Amino acid sequence: MVRAFAFISVAALLTAGSVSAQSLPAENGPSNKAVNSSSDNNSNAPVAGRNSFTEGQAKTRIEAAGYSAVSDLKKDDNGVWRGKATKGSRQTEVSVDFQGNVNAAN
């Protein structure tokens, strides 16, 4: 009985030691952001993909990027919401892809 208890105790200590040894500090080098800001695009062009944004959500996303007078929003065959909007005094075509990237037409 004492021998079994000693064996279990040693096994528990070894397991605890290996678990704590795996707690590595965060890297300081380049990597993906832990939290992406909703205002940061990860692409300079709309990315094709299945888009789950509703028209209202796409409009809100465009407005949050600094545009106003959003109109004519339609989802194309690539899953990208496209429409027109104004930024400053300039009207332009805009898009929102499935990742939430808001891009103006060049």
PDB file of N, CA and C in Angstrom:
ATOM      1  N   MET A   1       0.824  -1.188   0.000  1.00  0.00           N
ATOM      2  CA  MET A   1       0.000   0.000   0.000  1.00  0.00           C
ATOM      3  C   MET A   1       0.870   1.254   0.000  1.00  0.00           C
ATOM      4  N   VAL A   2       1.892   1.284   0.839  1.00  0.00           N
ATOM      5  CA  VAL A   2       2.798   2.421   0.907  1.00  0.00           C
ATOM      6  C   VAL A   2       3.543   2.566  -0.408  1.00  0.00           C
ATOM      7  N   ARG A   3       3.912   1.427  -0.972  1.00  0.00           N
ATOM      8  CA  ARG A   3       4.644   1.428  -2.231  1.00  0.00           C
ATOM      9  C   ARG A   3       3.770   2.004  -3.361  1.00  0.00           C
ATOM     10  N   ALA A   4       2.470   1.643  -3.422  1.00  0.00           N
ATOM     11  CA  ALA A   4       1.550   2.157  -4.431  1.00  0.00           C
ATOM     12  C   ALA A   4       1.352   3.661  -4.249  1.00  0.00           C
ATOM     13  N   PHE A   5       1.230   4.105  -3.005  1.00  0.00           N
ATOM     14  CA  PHE A   5       1.056   5.523  -2.715  1.00  0.00           C
ATOM     15  C   PHE A   5       2.290   6.312  -3.166  1.00  0.00           C
ATOM     16  N   ALA A   6       3.466   5.790  -2.902  1.00  0.00           N
ATOM     17  CA  ALA A   6       4.707   6.456  -3.305  1.00  0.00           C
ATOM     18  C   ALA A   6       4.789   6.534  -4.829  1.00  0.00           C
ATOM     19  N   PHE A   7       4.418   5.477  -5.513  1.00  0.00           N
ATOM     20  CA  PHE A   7       4.447   5.455  -6.973  1.00  0.00           C
ATOM     21  C   PHE A   7       3.479   6.490  -7.546  1.00  0.00           C
ATOM     22  N   ILE A   8       2.274   6.565  -7.010  1.00  0.00           N
ATOM     23  CA  ILE A   8       1.273   7.530  -7.479  1.00  0.00           C
ATOM     24  C   ILE A   8       1.751   8.955  -7.205  1.00  0.00           C
ATOM     25  N   SER A   9       2.352   9.190  -6.062  1.00  0.00           N
ATOM     26  CA  SER A   9       2.861  10.520  -5.723  1.00  0.00           C
ATOM     27  C   SER A   9       3.962  10.962  -6.687  1.00  0.00           C
ATOM     28  N   VAL A  10       4.879  10.056  -6.993  1.00  0.00           N
ATOM     29  CA  VAL A  10       5.959  10.377  -7.927  1.00  0.00           C
ATOM     30  C   VAL A  10       5.394  10.636  -9.320  1.00  0.00           C
ATOM     31  N   ALA A  11       4.442   9.832  -9.735  1.00  0.00           N
ATOM     32  CA  ALA A  11       3.827  10.010 -11.052  1.00  0.00           C
ATOM     33  C   ALA A  11       3.108  11.360 -11.135  1.00  0.00           C
ATOM     34  N   ALA A  12       2.416  11.743 -10.082  1.00  0.00           N
ATOM     35  CA  ALA A  12       1.712  13.022 -10.056  1.00  0.00           C
ATOM     36  C   ALA A  12       2.691  14.183 -10.125  1.00  0.00           C
ATOM     37  N   LEU A  13       3.804  14.103  -9.423  1.00  0.00           N
ATOM     38  CA  LEU A  13       4.809  15.165  -9.449  1.00  0.00           C
ATOM     39  C   LEU A  13       5.436  15.297 -10.831  1.00  0.00           C
ATOM     40  N   LEU A  14       5.720  14.171 -11.473  1.00  0.00           N
ATOM     41  CA  LEU A  14       6.305  14.214 -12.806  1.00  0.00           C
ATOM     42  C   LEU A  14       5.333  14.805 -13.819  1.00  0.00           C
ATOM     43  N   THR A  15       4.062  14.480 -13.704  1.00  0.00           N
ATOM     44  CA  THR A  15       3.047  15.011 -14.604  1.00  0.00           C
ATOM     45  C   THR A  15       2.899  16.511 -14.408  1.00  0.00           C
ATOM     46  N   ALA A  16       2.855  16.963 -13.172  1.00  0.00           N
ATOM     47  CA  ALA A  16       2.730  18.397 -12.884  1.00  0.00           C
ATOM     48  C   ALA A  16       3.945  19.149 -13.406  1.00  0.00           C
ATOM     49  N   GLY A  17       5.102  18.570 -13.301  1.00  0.00           N
ATOM     50  CA  GLY A  17       6.323  19.211 -13.785  1.00  0.00           C
ATOM     51  C   GLY A  17       6.326  19.352 -15.291  1.00  0.00           C
ATOM     52  N   SER A  18       5.844  18.342 -15.999  1.00  0.00           N
ATOM     53  CA  SER A  18       5.839  18.420 -17.463  1.00  0.00           C
ATOM     54  C   SER A  18       4.777  19.392 -17.956  1.00  0.00           C
ATOM     55  N   VAL A  19       3.663  19.530 -17.239  1.00  0.00           N
ATOM     56  CA  VAL A  19       2.625  20.483 -17.644  1.00  0.00           C
ATOM     57  C   VAL A  19       3.129  21.908 -17.476  1.00  0.00           C
ATOM     58  N   SER A  20       3.776  22.209 -16.358  1.00  0.00           N
ATOM     59  CA  SER A  20       4.255  23.569 -16.142  1.00  0.00           C
ATOM     60  C   SER A  20       5.412  23.905 -17.074  1.00  0.00           C
ATOM     61  N   ALA A  21       6.160  22.932 -17.506  1.00  0.00           N
ATOM     62  CA  ALA A  21       7.274  23.179 -18.412  1.00  0.00           C
ATOM     63  C   ALA A  21       6.776  23.575 -19.800  1.00  0.00           C
ATOM     64  N   GLN A  22       5.517  23.296 -20.138  1.00  0.00           N
ATOM     65  CA  GLN A  22       4.971  23.619 -21.442  1.00  0.00           C
ATOM     66  C   GLN A  22       4.395  25.030 -21.510  1.00  0.00           C
ATOM     67  N   SER A  23       4.382  25.767 -20.414  1.00  0.00           N
ATOM     68  CA  SER A  23       3.871  27.133 -20.408  1.00  0.00           C
ATOM     69  C   SER A  23       4.950  28.079 -20.910  1.00  0.00           C
ATOM     70  N   LEU A  24       4.998  28.290 -22.214  1.00  0.00           N
ATOM     71  CA  LEU A  24       6.012  29.124 -22.823  1.00  0.00           C
ATOM     72  C   LEU A  24       5.544  30.570 -22.862  1.00  0.00           C
ATOM     73  N   PRO A  25       6.463  31.519 -22.782  1.00  0.00           N
ATOM     74  CA  PRO A  25       6.067  32.926 -22.879  1.00  0.00           C
ATOM     75  C   PRO A  25       5.642  33.273 -24.297  1.00  0.00           C
ATOM     76  N   ALA A  26       4.883  34.352 -24.432  1.00  0.00           N
ATOM     77  CA  ALA A  26       4.444  34.804 -25.756  1.00  0.00           C
ATOM     78  C   ALA A  26       5.639  35.275 -26.563  1.00  0.00           C
ATOM     79  N   GLU A  27       5.566  35.066 -27.863  1.00  0.00           N
ATOM     80  CA  GLU A  27       6.651  35.488 -28.740  1.00  0.00           C
ATOM     81  C   GLU A  27       6.585  36.985 -28.992  1.00  0.00           C
ATOM     82  N   ASN A  28       7.737  37.593 -29.167  1.00  0.00           N
ATOM     83  CA  ASN A  28       7.803  39.008 -29.492  1.00  0.00           C
ATOM     84  C   ASN A  28       7.895  39.244 -30.993  1.00  0.00           C
ATOM     85  N   GLY A  29       8.105  38.186 -31.767  1.00  0.00           N
ATOM     86  CA  GLY A  29       8.288  38.306 -33.210  1.00  0.00           C
ATOM     87  C   GLY A  29       6.986  38.472 -33.952  1.00  0.00           C
ATOM     88  N   PRO A  30       7.068  38.615 -35.268  1.00  0.00           N
ATOM     89  CA  PRO A  30       5.869  38.804 -36.087  1.00  0.00           C
ATOM     90  C   PRO A  30       4.952  37.584 -36.040  1.00  0.00           C
ATOM     91  N   SER A  31       3.671  37.864 -35.980  1.00  0.00           N
ATOM     92  CA  SER A  31       2.662  36.808 -36.002  1.00  0.00           C
ATOM     93  C   SER A  31       1.309  37.451 -36.236  1.00  0.00           C
ATOM     94  N   ASN A  32       0.280  36.652 -36.311  1.00  0.00           N
ATOM     95  CA  ASN A  32      -1.067  37.187 -36.455  1.00  0.00           C
ATOM     96  C   ASN A  32      -1.449  37.936 -35.199  1.00  0.00           C
ATOM     97  N   LYS A  33      -2.288  38.958 -35.356  1.00  0.00           N
ATOM     98  CA  LYS A  33      -2.766  39.704 -34.202  1.00  0.00           C
ATOM     99  C   LYS A  33      -3.650  38.803 -33.354  1.00  0.00           C
ATOM    100  N   ALA A  34      -3.616  39.007 -32.045  1.00  0.00           N
ATOM    101  CA  ALA A  34      -4.492  38.256 -31.161  1.00  0.00           C
ATOM    102  C   ALA A  34      -5.933  38.698 -31.354  1.00  0.00           C
ATOM    103  N   VAL A  35      -6.132  39.983 -31.555  1.00  0.00           N
ATOM    104  CA  VAL A  35      -7.460  40.529 -31.772  1.00  0.00           C
ATOM    105  C   VAL A  35      -7.394  41.431 -32.983  1.00  0.00           C
ATOM    106  N   ASN A  36      -8.202  41.146 -33.980  1.00  0.00           N
ATOM    107  CA  ASN A  36      -8.253  41.993 -35.160  1.00  0.00           C
ATOM    108  C   ASN A  36      -9.281  43.091 -34.952  1.00  0.00           C
ATOM    109  N   SER A  37      -8.933  44.279 -35.318  1.00  0.00           N
ATOM    110  CA  SER A  37      -9.857  45.403 -35.233  1.00  0.00           C
ATOM    111  C   SER A  37     -10.834  45.317 -36.389  1.00  0.00           C
ATOM    112  N   SER A  38     -12.072  45.691 -36.140  1.00  0.00           N
ATOM    113  CA  SER A  38     -13.060  45.626 -37.210  1.00  0.00           C
ATOM    114  C   SER A  38     -12.788  46.671 -38.279  1.00  0.00           C
ATOM    115  N   SER A  39     -11.929  47.651 -38.001  1.00  0.00           N
ATOM    116  CA  SER A  39     -11.630  48.676 -38.995  1.00  0.00           C
ATOM    117  C   SER A  39     -10.399  48.333 -39.833  1.00  0.00           C
ATOM    118  N   ASP A  40      -9.705  47.271 -39.505  1.00  0.00           N
ATOM    119  CA  ASP A  40      -8.512  46.876 -40.246  1.00  0.00           C
ATOM    120  C   ASP A  40      -8.847  45.843 -41.314  1.00  0.00           C
ATOM    121  N   ASN A  41      -8.481  46.151 -42.563  1.00  0.00           N
ATOM    122  CA  ASN A  41      -8.644  45.175 -43.641  1.00  0.00           C
ATOM    123  C   ASN A  41      -7.459  44.230 -43.635  1.00  0.00           C
ATOM    124  N   ASN A  42      -7.687  42.991 -43.983  1.00  0.00           N
ATOM    125  CA  ASN A  42      -6.576  42.063 -44.164  1.00  0.00           C
ATOM    126  C   ASN A  42      -6.342  41.807 -45.641  1.00  0.00           C
ATOM    127  N   SER A  43      -7.031  42.585 -46.491  1.00  0.00           N
ATOM    128  CA  SER A  43      -6.865  42.458 -47.938  1.00  0.00           C
ATOM    129  C   SER A  43      -7.187  43.794 -48.597  1.00  0.00           C
ATOM    130  N   ASN A  44      -6.440  44.140 -49.630  1.00  0.00           N
ATOM    131  CA  ASN A  44      -6.693  45.380 -50.357  1.00  0.00           C
ATOM    132  C   ASN A  44      -7.690  45.198 -51.495  1.00  0.00           C
ATOM    133  N   ALA A  45      -8.196  43.995 -51.642  1.00  0.00           N
ATOM    134  CA  ALA A  45      -9.204  43.696 -52.654  1.00  0.00           C
ATOM    135  C   ALA A  45     -10.223  42.760 -52.024  1.00  0.00           C
ATOM    136  N   PRO A  46     -11.461  42.804 -52.483  1.00  0.00           N
ATOM    137  CA  PRO A  46     -12.462  41.897 -51.903  1.00  0.00           C
ATOM    138  C   PRO A  46     -12.088  40.434 -52.107  1.00  0.00           C
ATOM    139  N   VAL A  47     -12.279  39.650 -51.060  1.00  0.00           N
ATOM    140  CA  VAL A  47     -11.954  38.227 -51.092  1.00  0.00           C
ATOM    141  C   VAL A  47     -13.237  37.447 -51.371  1.00  0.00           C
ATOM    142  N   ALA A  48     -13.206  36.609 -52.384  1.00  0.00           N
ATOM    143  CA  ALA A  48     -14.377  35.804 -52.731  1.00  0.00           C
ATOM    144  C   ALA A  48     -14.604  34.738 -51.672  1.00  0.00           C
ATOM    145  N   GLY A  49     -15.860  34.503 -51.351  1.00  0.00           N
ATOM    146  CA  GLY A  49     -16.200  33.469 -50.379  1.00  0.00           C
ATOM    147  C   GLY A  49     -17.641  33.598 -49.952  1.00  0.00           C
ATOM    148  N   ARG A  50     -18.130  32.589 -49.318  1.00  0.00           N
ATOM    149  CA  ARG A  50     -19.523  32.570 -48.884  1.00  0.00           C
ATOM    150  C   ARG A  50     -19.734  33.634 -47.806  1.00  0.00           C
ATOM    151  N   ASN A  51     -20.557  34.615 -48.093  1.00  0.00           N
ATOM    152  CA  ASN A  51     -20.755  35.775 -47.231  1.00  0.00           C
ATOM    153  C   ASN A  51     -22.020  35.603 -46.409  1.00  0.00           C
ATOM    154  N   SER A  52     -21.898  35.720 -45.093  1.00  0.00           N
ATOM    155  CA  SER A  52     -23.060  35.575 -44.224  1.00  0.00           C
ATOM    156  C   SER A  52     -23.589  36.920 -43.728  1.00  0.00           C
ATOM    157  N   PHE A  53     -22.965  38.033 -44.177  1.00  0.00           N
ATOM    158  CA  PHE A  53     -23.476  39.349 -43.798  1.00  0.00           C
ATOM    159  C   PHE A  53     -24.812  39.601 -44.476  1.00  0.00           C
ATOM    160  N   THR A  54     -25.738  40.194 -43.725  1.00  0.00           N
ATOM    161  CA  THR A  54     -26.980  40.649 -44.338  1.00  0.00           C
ATOM    162  C   THR A  54     -26.707  41.990 -45.019  1.00  0.00           C
ATOM    163  N   GLU A  55     -27.647  42.463 -45.797  1.00  0.00           N
ATOM    164  CA  GLU A  55     -27.476  43.762 -46.448  1.00  0.00           C
ATOM    165  C   GLU A  55     -27.293  44.862 -45.404  1.00  0.00           C
ATOM    166  N   GLY A  56     -28.062  44.804 -44.340  1.00  0.00           N
ATOM    167  CA  GLY A  56     -27.951  45.802 -43.271  1.00  0.00           C
ATOM    168  C   GLY A  56     -26.591  45.762 -42.585  1.00  0.00           C
ATOM    169  N   GLN A  57     -26.072  44.565 -42.347  1.00  0.00           N
ATOM    170  CA  GLN A  57     -24.750  44.435 -41.725  1.00  0.00           C
ATOM    171  C   GLN A  57     -23.657  44.955 -42.652  1.00  0.00           C
ATOM    172  N   ALA A  58     -23.783  44.695 -43.947  1.00  0.00           N
ATOM    173  CA  ALA A  58     -22.806  45.196 -44.911  1.00  0.00           C
ATOM    174  C   ALA A  58     -22.836  46.726 -44.931  1.00  0.00           C
ATOM    175  N   LYS A  59     -24.028  47.311 -44.905  1.00  0.00           N
ATOM    176  CA  LYS A  59     -24.164  48.760 -44.896  1.00  0.00           C
ATOM    177  C   LYS A  59     -23.539  49.351 -43.635  1.00  0.00           C
ATOM    178  N   THR A  60     -23.795  48.739 -42.499  1.00  0.00           N
ATOM    179  CA  THR A  60     -23.215  49.209 -41.231  1.00  0.00           C
ATOM    180  C   THR A  60     -21.702  49.149 -41.269  1.00  0.00           C
ATOM    181  N   ARG A  61     -21.175  48.100 -41.844  1.00  0.00           N
ATOM    182  CA  ARG A  61     -19.724  47.926 -41.952  1.00  0.00           C
ATOM    183  C   ARG A  61     -19.111  49.032 -42.826  1.00  0.00           C
ATOM    184  N   ILE A  62     -19.777  49.349 -43.933  1.00  0.00           N
ATOM    185  CA  ILE A  62     -19.301  50.404 -44.835  1.00  0.00           C
ATOM    186  C   ILE A  62     -19.341  51.751 -44.116  1.00  0.00           C
ATOM    187  N   GLU A  63     -20.425  52.022 -43.412  1.00  0.00           N
ATOM    188  CA  GLU A  63     -20.549  53.279 -42.670  1.00  0.00           C
ATOM    189  C   GLU A  63     -19.497  53.385 -41.569  1.00  0.00           C
ATOM    190  N   ALA A  64     -19.180  52.274 -40.921  1.00  0.00           N
ATOM    191  CA  ALA A  64     -18.149  52.273 -39.876  1.00  0.00           C
ATOM    192  C   ALA A  64     -16.768  52.567 -40.451  1.00  0.00           C
ATOM    193  N   ALA A  65     -16.593  52.336 -41.753  1.00  0.00           N
ATOM    194  CA  ALA A  65     -15.314  52.619 -42.415  1.00  0.00           C
ATOM    195  C   ALA A  65     -15.243  54.072 -42.886  1.00  0.00           C
ATOM    196  N   GLY A  66     -16.248  54.887 -42.541  1.00  0.00           N
ATOM    197  CA  GLY A  66     -16.199  56.310 -42.851  1.00  0.00           C
ATOM    198  C   GLY A  66     -16.999  56.756 -44.056  1.00  0.00           C
ATOM    199  N   TYR A  67     -17.831  55.890 -44.599  1.00  0.00           N
ATOM    200  CA  TYR A  67     -18.632  56.232 -45.763  1.00  0.00           C
ATOM    201  C   TYR A  67     -20.046  56.617 -45.330  1.00  0.00           C
ATOM    202  N   SER A  68     -20.724  57.382 -46.179  1.00  0.00           N
ATOM    203  CA  SER A  68     -22.125  57.725 -45.937  1.00  0.00           C
ATOM    204  C   SER A  68     -22.900  57.534 -47.236  1.00  0.00           C
ATOM    205  N   ALA A  69     -24.191  57.766 -47.188  1.00  0.00           N
ATOM    206  CA  ALA A  69     -25.062  57.649 -48.366  1.00  0.00           C
ATOM    207  C   ALA A  69     -24.837  56.331 -49.105  1.00  0.00           C
ATOM    208  N   VAL A  70     -24.822  55.226 -48.360  1.00  0.00           N
ATOM    209  CA  VAL A  70     -24.620  53.897 -48.949  1.00  0.00           C
ATOM    210  C   VAL A  70     -25.886  53.504 -49.702  1.00  0.00           C
ATOM    211  N   SER A  71     -25.724  53.070 -50.950  1.00  0.00           N
ATOM    212  CA  SER A  71     -26.893  52.711 -51.758  1.00  0.00           C
ATOM    213  C   SER A  71     -26.553  51.586 -52.730  1.00  0.00           C
ATOM    214  N   ASP A  72     -27.589  51.039 -53.329  1.00  0.00           N
ATOM    215  CA  ASP A  72     -27.480  50.015 -54.381  1.00  0.00           C
ATOM    216  C   ASP A  72     -26.668  48.787 -53.967  1.00  0.00           C
ATOM    217  N   LEU A  73     -26.784  48.346 -52.721  1.00  0.00           N
ATOM    218  CA  LEU A  73     -26.025  47.165 -52.269  1.00  0.00           C
ATOM    219  C   LEU A  73     -26.634  45.895 -52.851  1.00  0.00           C
ATOM    220  N   LYS A  74     -25.787  45.124 -53.482  1.00  0.00           N
ATOM    221  CA  LYS A  74     -26.191  43.825 -54.028  1.00  0.00           C
ATOM    222  C   LYS A  74     -25.037  42.855 -53.840  1.00  0.00           C
ATOM    223  N   LYS A  75     -25.379  41.606 -53.521  1.00  0.00           N
ATOM    224  CA  LYS A  75     -24.351  40.578 -53.363  1.00  0.00           C
ATOM    225  C   LYS A  75     -24.094  39.930 -54.718  1.00  0.00           C
ATOM    226  N   ASP A  76     -22.802  39.899 -55.126  1.00  0.00           N
ATOM    227  CA  ASP A  76     -22.478  39.305 -56.433  1.00  0.00           C
ATOM    228  C   ASP A  76     -22.288  37.793 -56.325  1.00  0.00           C
ATOM    229  N   ASP A  77     -21.945  37.157 -57.427  1.00  0.00           N
ATOM    230  CA  ASP A  77     -21.792  35.703 -57.478  1.00  0.00           C
ATOM    231  C   ASP A  77     -20.610  35.193 -56.653  1.00  0.00           C
ATOM    232  N   ASN A  78     -19.687  36.088 -56.288  1.00  0.00           N
ATOM    233  CA  ASN A  78     -18.534  35.702 -55.461  1.00  0.00           C
ATOM    234  C   ASN A  78     -18.782  35.927 -53.968  1.00  0.00           C
ATOM    235  N   GLY A  79     -20.001  36.324 -53.602  1.00  0.00           N
ATOM    236  CA  GLY A  79     -20.319  36.545 -52.196  1.00  0.00           C
ATOM    237  C   GLY A  79     -19.868  37.897 -51.675  1.00  0.00           C
ATOM    238  N   VAL A  80     -19.601  38.830 -52.574  1.00  0.00           N
ATOM    239  CA  VAL A  80     -19.131  40.163 -52.192  1.00  0.00           C
ATOM    240  C   VAL A  80     -20.285  41.157 -52.333  1.00  0.00           C
ATOM    241  N   TRP A  81     -20.553  41.903 -51.241  1.00  0.00           N
ATOM    242  CA  TRP A  81     -21.541  42.964 -51.307  1.00  0.00           C
ATOM    243  C   TRP A  81     -20.914  44.149 -52.030  1.00  0.00           C
ATOM    244  N   ARG A  82     -21.603  44.676 -53.042  1.00  0.00           N
ATOM    245  CA  ARG A  82     -21.100  45.823 -53.812  1.00  0.00           C
ATOM    246  C   ARG A  82     -22.181  46.889 -53.881  1.00  0.00           C
ATOM    247  N   GLY A  83     -21.744  48.146 -53.815  1.00  0.00           N
ATOM    248  CA  GLY A  83     -22.688  49.255 -53.891  1.00  0.00           C
ATOM    249  C   GLY A  83     -21.959  50.564 -54.087  1.00  0.00           C
ATOM    250  N   LYS A  84     -22.669  51.656 -53.817  1.00  0.00           N
ATOM    251  CA  LYS A  84     -22.111  52.996 -53.944  1.00  0.00           C
ATOM    252  C   LYS A  84     -22.160  53.675 -52.584  1.00  0.00           C
ATOM    253  N   ALA A  85     -21.192  54.563 -52.344  1.00  0.00           N
ATOM    254  CA  ALA A  85     -21.161  55.306 -51.086  1.00  0.00           C
ATOM    255  C   ALA A  85     -20.348  56.573 -51.281  1.00  0.00           C
ATOM    256  N   THR A  86     -20.478  57.473 -50.337  1.00  0.00           N
ATOM    257  CA  THR A  86     -19.773  58.749 -50.391  1.00  0.00           C
ATOM    258  C   THR A  86     -18.818  58.844 -49.216  1.00  0.00           C
ATOM    259  N   LYS A  87     -17.613  59.324 -49.511  1.00  0.00           N
ATOM    260  CA  LYS A  87     -16.631  59.599 -48.452  1.00  0.00           C
ATOM    261  C   LYS A  87     -16.078  60.985 -48.741  1.00  0.00           C
ATOM    262  N   GLY A  88     -16.265  61.893 -47.783  1.00  0.00           N
ATOM    263  CA  GLY A  88     -15.930  63.288 -48.052  1.00  0.00           C
ATOM    264  C   GLY A  88     -16.948  63.821 -49.038  1.00  0.00           C
ATOM    265  N   SER A  89     -16.486  64.324 -50.154  1.00  0.00           N
ATOM    266  CA  SER A  89     -17.399  64.815 -51.186  1.00  0.00           C
ATOM    267  C   SER A  89     -17.382  63.909 -52.420  1.00  0.00           C
ATOM    268  N   ARG A  90     -16.715  62.783 -52.304  1.00  0.00           N
ATOM    269  CA  ARG A  90     -16.524  61.903 -53.467  1.00  0.00           C
ATOM    270  C   ARG A  90     -17.376  60.639 -53.359  1.00  0.00           C
ATOM    271  N   GLN A  91     -18.167  60.366 -54.401  1.00  0.00           N
ATOM    272  CA  GLN A  91     -18.929  59.123 -54.450  1.00  0.00           C
ATOM    273  C   GLN A  91     -18.083  58.064 -55.145  1.00  0.00           C
ATOM    274  N   THR A  92     -18.095  56.862 -54.606  1.00  0.00           N
ATOM    275  CA  THR A  92     -17.298  55.778 -55.167  1.00  0.00           C
ATOM    276  C   THR A  92     -18.043  54.460 -55.027  1.00  0.00           C
ATOM    277  N   GLU A  93     -17.588  53.461 -55.736  1.00  0.00           N
ATOM    278  CA  GLU A  93     -18.114  52.112 -55.561  1.00  0.00           C
ATOM    279  C   GLU A  93     -17.356  51.466 -54.409  1.00  0.00           C
ATOM    280  N   VAL A  94     -18.070  50.739 -53.574  1.00  0.00           N
ATOM    281  CA  VAL A  94     -17.466  50.075 -52.415  1.00  0.00           C
ATOM    282  C   VAL A  94     -17.882  48.610 -52.398  1.00  0.00           C
ATOM    283  N   SER A  95     -17.125  47.828 -51.632  1.00  0.00           N
ATOM    284  CA  SER A  95     -17.454  46.404 -51.494  1.00  0.00           C
ATOM    285  C   SER A  95     -17.171  45.953 -50.067  1.00  0.00           C
ATOM    286  N   VAL A  96     -17.876  44.904 -49.656  1.00  0.00           N
ATOM    287  CA  VAL A  96     -17.642  44.236 -48.378  1.00  0.00           C
ATOM    288  C   VAL A  96     -17.570  42.744 -48.669  1.00  0.00           C
ATOM    289  N   ASP A  97     -16.429  42.117 -48.336  1.00  0.00           N
ATOM    290  CA  ASP A  97     -16.295  40.684 -48.581  1.00  0.00           C
ATOM    291  C   ASP A  97     -16.708  39.889 -47.348  1.00  0.00           C
ATOM    292  N   PHE A  98     -16.613  38.576 -47.425  1.00  0.00           N
ATOM    293  CA  PHE A  98     -17.071  37.711 -46.335  1.00  0.00           C
ATOM    294  C   PHE A  98     -16.251  37.871 -45.064  1.00  0.00           C
ATOM    295  N   GLN A  99     -15.047  38.439 -45.178  1.00  0.00           N
ATOM    296  CA  GLN A  99     -14.195  38.670 -44.008  1.00  0.00           C
ATOM    297  C   GLN A  99     -14.485  40.022 -43.361  1.00  0.00           C
ATOM    298  N   GLY A 100     -15.345  40.823 -43.989  1.00  0.00           N
ATOM    299  CA  GLY A 100     -15.677  42.133 -43.452  1.00  0.00           C
ATOM    300  C   GLY A 100     -14.783  43.243 -43.971  1.00  0.00           C
ATOM    301  N   ASN A 101     -13.921  42.943 -44.934  1.00  0.00           N
ATOM    302  CA  ASN A 101     -13.061  43.969 -45.520  1.00  0.00           C
ATOM    303  C   ASN A 101     -13.895  44.935 -46.347  1.00  0.00           C
ATOM    304  N   VAL A 102     -13.730  46.230 -46.097  1.00  0.00           N
ATOM    305  CA  VAL A 102     -14.407  47.269 -46.862  1.00  0.00           C
ATOM    306  C   VAL A 102     -13.374  47.879 -47.795  1.00  0.00           C
ATOM    307  N   ASN A 103     -13.656  47.852 -49.099  1.00  0.00           N
ATOM    308  CA  ASN A 103     -12.731  48.386 -50.082  1.00  0.00           C
ATOM    309  C   ASN A 103     -13.466  49.297 -51.062  1.00  0.00           C
ATOM    310  N   ALA A 104     -12.794  50.383 -51.433  1.00  0.00           N
ATOM    311  CA  ALA A 104     -13.308  51.270 -52.470  1.00  0.00           C
ATOM    312  C   ALA A 104     -12.742  50.820 -53.806  1.00  0.00           C
ATOM    313  N   ALA A 105     -13.520  51.052 -54.865  1.00  0.00           N
ATOM    314  CA  ALA A 105     -13.026  50.730 -56.210  1.00  0.00           C
ATOM    315  C   ALA A 105     -11.869  51.665 -56.537  1.00  0.00           C
ATOM    316  N   ASN A 106     -10.903  51.161 -57.255  1.00  0.00           N
ATOM    317  CA  ASN A 106      -9.731  51.991 -57.585  1.00  0.00           C
ATOM    318  C   ASN A 106     -10.044  53.005 -58.626  1.00  0.00           C
TER     319      ASN A 106
END
